[in-house]
Amino acid sequence: MDAQKTAITAAEAALSKKAIDIEIIDVSTKVDYAQYLVLCSASVERQVRAIADEIEICLKKKKVRALGTEGMQSGSWVLMDYGDVVIHVFHEDAREYYDLDSLWMDAERLSIPPEPEE
């Protein structure tokens, strides 16, 4: 699976667990360690872990495995490294504090496909 599809799949998985403020940021022309960053938030620590779990499950189904994951125990910020895609699942307070959105303010964003209506 290419990096863009991996990023979109991760964002869709996060959305399915009611993540908020989901951003897919194209950093391919800005850094050499990744092509995309996926940022999302949750209002409670338990939801942070649930979102990260869902992302991992959805990507494993597509045979995409993480190179490493940090922060699952704390629930305030989970970092998931999928090589060309780095995923940050934040508690709202941690996201505001670290403010990665501003750091990548000038980077292009990808759209997340809308959820199908039931």
C-alpha atoms as a PDB file:
ATOM      1  CA  MET A   1       0.000   0.000   0.000  1.00  0.00           C
ATOM      2  CA  ASP A   2       1.423   3.393  -0.903  1.00  0.00           C
ATOM      3  CA  ALA A   3       1.954   6.125   1.684  1.00  0.00           C
ATOM      4  CA  GLN A   4      -1.043   8.225   0.648  1.00  0.00           C
ATOM      5  CA  LYS A   5      -3.441   5.273   0.909  1.00  0.00           C
ATOM      6  CA  THR A   6      -1.920   4.325   4.273  1.00  0.00           C
ATOM      7  CA  ALA A   7      -2.468   7.867   5.567  1.00  0.00           C
ATOM      8  CA  ILE A   8      -6.062   7.956   4.323  1.00  0.00           C
ATOM      9  CA  THR A   9      -6.806   4.515   5.782  1.00  0.00           C
ATOM     10  CA  ALA A  10      -5.424   5.648   9.143  1.00  0.00           C
ATOM     11  CA  ALA A  11      -7.521   8.821   9.046  1.00  0.00           C
ATOM     12  CA  GLU A  12     -10.664   6.865   8.158  1.00  0.00           C
ATOM     13  CA  ALA A  13      -9.989   4.438  11.034  1.00  0.00           C
ATOM     14  CA  ALA A  14      -9.574   7.380  13.411  1.00  0.00           C
ATOM     15  CA  LEU A  15     -12.802   8.900  12.138  1.00  0.00           C
ATOM     16  CA  SER A  16     -14.633   5.624  12.758  1.00  0.00           C
ATOM     17  CA  LYS A  17     -13.717   5.975  16.452  1.00  0.00           C
ATOM     18  CA  LYS A  18     -14.932   9.594  16.510  1.00  0.00           C
ATOM     19  CA  ALA A  19     -11.523  11.266  16.415  1.00  0.00           C
ATOM     20  CA  ILE A  20     -11.697  15.027  16.021  1.00  0.00           C
ATOM     21  CA  ASP A  21      -9.594  17.567  14.118  1.00  0.00           C
ATOM     22  CA  ILE A  22      -8.135  14.968  11.755  1.00  0.00           C
ATOM     23  CA  GLU A  23      -5.388  16.308   9.491  1.00  0.00           C
ATOM     24  CA  ILE A  24      -3.366  14.509   6.832  1.00  0.00           C
ATOM     25  CA  ILE A  25      -0.301  16.636   6.205  1.00  0.00           C
ATOM     26  CA  ASP A  26       1.936  16.134   3.169  1.00  0.00           C
ATOM     27  CA  VAL A  27       5.497  16.633   4.433  1.00  0.00           C
ATOM     28  CA  SER A  28       7.200  14.885   1.510  1.00  0.00           C
ATOM     29  CA  THR A  29       8.931  18.053   0.296  1.00  0.00           C
ATOM     30  CA  LYS A  30       9.840  19.223   3.802  1.00  0.00           C
ATOM     31  CA  VAL A  31      11.439  16.250   5.593  1.00  0.00           C
ATOM     32  CA  ASP A  32      13.162  13.034   4.623  1.00  0.00           C
ATOM     33  CA  TYR A  33      11.754  10.739   7.328  1.00  0.00           C
ATOM     34  CA  ALA A  34       8.121  10.617   6.165  1.00  0.00           C
ATOM     35  CA  GLN A  35       5.757  11.547   3.362  1.00  0.00           C
ATOM     36  CA  TYR A  36       2.650  12.119   5.470  1.00  0.00           C
ATOM     37  CA  LEU A  37       1.740  12.981   9.035  1.00  0.00           C
ATOM     38  CA  VAL A  38      -1.692  12.093  10.329  1.00  0.00           C
ATOM     39  CA  LEU A  39      -2.825  14.127  13.339  1.00  0.00           C
ATOM     40  CA  CYS A  40      -6.024  13.553  15.270  1.00  0.00           C
ATOM     41  CA  SER A  41      -7.423  14.193  18.729  1.00  0.00           C
ATOM     42  CA  ALA A  42      -9.733  12.789  21.353  1.00  0.00           C
ATOM     43  CA  SER A  43     -11.258  14.359  24.432  1.00  0.00           C
ATOM     44  CA  VAL A  44     -10.465  11.488  26.833  1.00  0.00           C
ATOM     45  CA  GLU A  45      -7.414   9.241  27.252  1.00  0.00           C
ATOM     46  CA  ARG A  46      -9.408   6.050  26.785  1.00  0.00           C
ATOM     47  CA  GLN A  47     -10.548   7.282  23.375  1.00  0.00           C
ATOM     48  CA  VAL A  48      -6.935   8.102  22.408  1.00  0.00           C
ATOM     49  CA  ARG A  49      -6.028   4.451  22.969  1.00  0.00           C
ATOM     50  CA  ALA A  50      -9.169   3.213  21.179  1.00  0.00           C
ATOM     51  CA  ILE A  51      -8.347   5.336  18.123  1.00  0.00           C
ATOM     52  CA  ALA A  52      -4.753   4.090  18.040  1.00  0.00           C
ATOM     53  CA  ASP A  53      -5.963   0.483  18.393  1.00  0.00           C
ATOM     54  CA  GLU A  54      -8.426   0.919  15.523  1.00  0.00           C
ATOM     55  CA  ILE A  55      -5.753   2.423  13.272  1.00  0.00           C
ATOM     56  CA  GLU A  56      -3.453  -0.496  14.016  1.00  0.00           C
ATOM     57  CA  ILE A  57      -6.206  -3.066  13.343  1.00  0.00           C
ATOM     58  CA  CYS A  58      -7.274  -1.449  10.051  1.00  0.00           C
ATOM     59  CA  LEU A  59      -3.724  -1.167   8.757  1.00  0.00           C
ATOM     60  CA  LYS A  60      -2.870  -4.755   9.792  1.00  0.00           C
ATOM     61  CA  LYS A  61      -5.844  -5.913   7.704  1.00  0.00           C
ATOM     62  CA  LYS A  62      -4.139  -4.204   4.762  1.00  0.00           C
ATOM     63  CA  LYS A  63      -0.858  -5.941   5.709  1.00  0.00           C
ATOM     64  CA  VAL A  64       0.734  -2.675   6.847  1.00  0.00           C
ATOM     65  CA  ARG A  65       2.581  -2.993  10.146  1.00  0.00           C
ATOM     66  CA  ALA A  66       3.979  -0.330  12.425  1.00  0.00           C
ATOM     67  CA  LEU A  67       7.734   0.003  12.762  1.00  0.00           C
ATOM     68  CA  GLY A  68       7.121   1.278  16.281  1.00  0.00           C
ATOM     69  CA  THR A  69       4.474   2.643  18.604  1.00  0.00           C
ATOM     70  CA  GLU A  70       4.963   4.852  21.668  1.00  0.00           C
ATOM     71  CA  GLY A  71       2.614   6.191  24.326  1.00  0.00           C
ATOM     72  CA  MET A  72      -0.187   3.616  24.394  1.00  0.00           C
ATOM     73  CA  GLN A  73       0.000   3.344  28.185  1.00  0.00           C
ATOM     74  CA  SER A  74      -0.247   7.065  28.916  1.00  0.00           C
ATOM     75  CA  GLY A  75      -3.129   7.854  26.588  1.00  0.00           C
ATOM     76  CA  SER A  76      -2.182  11.494  26.172  1.00  0.00           C
ATOM     77  CA  TRP A  77      -0.176  11.122  22.954  1.00  0.00           C
ATOM     78  CA  VAL A  78       0.297   7.974  20.891  1.00  0.00           C
ATOM     79  CA  LEU A  79       2.943   8.054  18.171  1.00  0.00           C
ATOM     80  CA  MET A  80       2.728   5.374  15.481  1.00  0.00           C
ATOM     81  CA  ASP A  81       5.535   5.035  12.942  1.00  0.00           C
ATOM     82  CA  TYR A  82       4.611   3.363   9.659  1.00  0.00           C
ATOM     83  CA  GLY A  83       7.725   4.443   7.796  1.00  0.00           C
ATOM     84  CA  ASP A  84       6.474   6.931   5.228  1.00  0.00           C
ATOM     85  CA  VAL A  85       3.465   7.727   7.431  1.00  0.00           C
ATOM     86  CA  VAL A  86       3.747   8.933  11.022  1.00  0.00           C
ATOM     87  CA  ILE A  87       0.531   9.065  13.022  1.00  0.00           C
ATOM     88  CA  HIS A  88      -0.053  11.203  16.116  1.00  0.00           C
ATOM     89  CA  VAL A  89      -3.144  10.496  18.221  1.00  0.00           C
ATOM     90  CA  PHE A  90      -3.428  13.216  20.843  1.00  0.00           C
ATOM     91  CA  HIS A  91      -5.516  14.010  23.862  1.00  0.00           C
ATOM     92  CA  GLU A  92      -6.861  17.511  23.094  1.00  0.00           C
ATOM     93  CA  ASP A  93      -4.698  19.134  25.787  1.00  0.00           C
ATOM     94  CA  ALA A  94      -1.490  17.518  24.495  1.00  0.00           C
ATOM     95  CA  ARG A  95      -2.265  18.514  20.923  1.00  0.00           C
ATOM     96  CA  GLU A  96      -2.794  22.103  21.952  1.00  0.00           C
ATOM     97  CA  TYR A  97       0.408  22.102  24.010  1.00  0.00           C
ATOM     98  CA  TYR A  98       2.687  20.638  21.303  1.00  0.00           C
ATOM     99  CA  ASP A  99       0.897  22.460  18.460  1.00  0.00           C
ATOM    100  CA  LEU A 100       2.255  20.385  15.562  1.00  0.00           C
ATOM    101  CA  ASP A 101      -0.452  21.902  13.380  1.00  0.00           C
ATOM    102  CA  SER A 102       1.324  25.279  13.490  1.00  0.00           C
ATOM    103  CA  LEU A 103       4.699  23.691  12.874  1.00  0.00           C
ATOM    104  CA  TRP A 104       3.400  22.338   9.549  1.00  0.00           C
ATOM    105  CA  MET A 105       1.136  25.326   8.790  1.00  0.00           C
ATOM    106  CA  ASP A 106       2.578  25.796   5.290  1.00  0.00           C
ATOM    107  CA  ALA A 107       2.365  22.113   4.296  1.00  0.00           C
ATOM    108  CA  GLU A 108      -0.354  20.840   1.968  1.00  0.00           C
ATOM    109  CA  ARG A 109      -3.281  18.938   3.512  1.00  0.00           C
ATOM    110  CA  LEU A 110      -5.052  15.945   2.000  1.00  0.00           C
ATOM    111  CA  SER A 111      -8.802  15.586   2.176  1.00  0.00           C
ATOM    112  CA  ILE A 112     -10.347  12.689   4.000  1.00  0.00           C
ATOM    113  CA  PRO A 113     -13.056  11.010   1.922  1.00  0.00           C
ATOM    114  CA  PRO A 114     -16.488  11.663   3.466  1.00  0.00           C
ATOM    115  CA  GLU A 115     -18.173   8.855   5.367  1.00  0.00           C
ATOM    116  CA  PRO A 116     -20.953   7.200   3.359  1.00  0.00           C
ATOM    117  CA  GLU A 117     -24.418   8.113   4.610  1.00  0.00           C
ATOM    118  CA  GLU A 118     -26.434   5.280   6.086  1.00  0.00           C
END
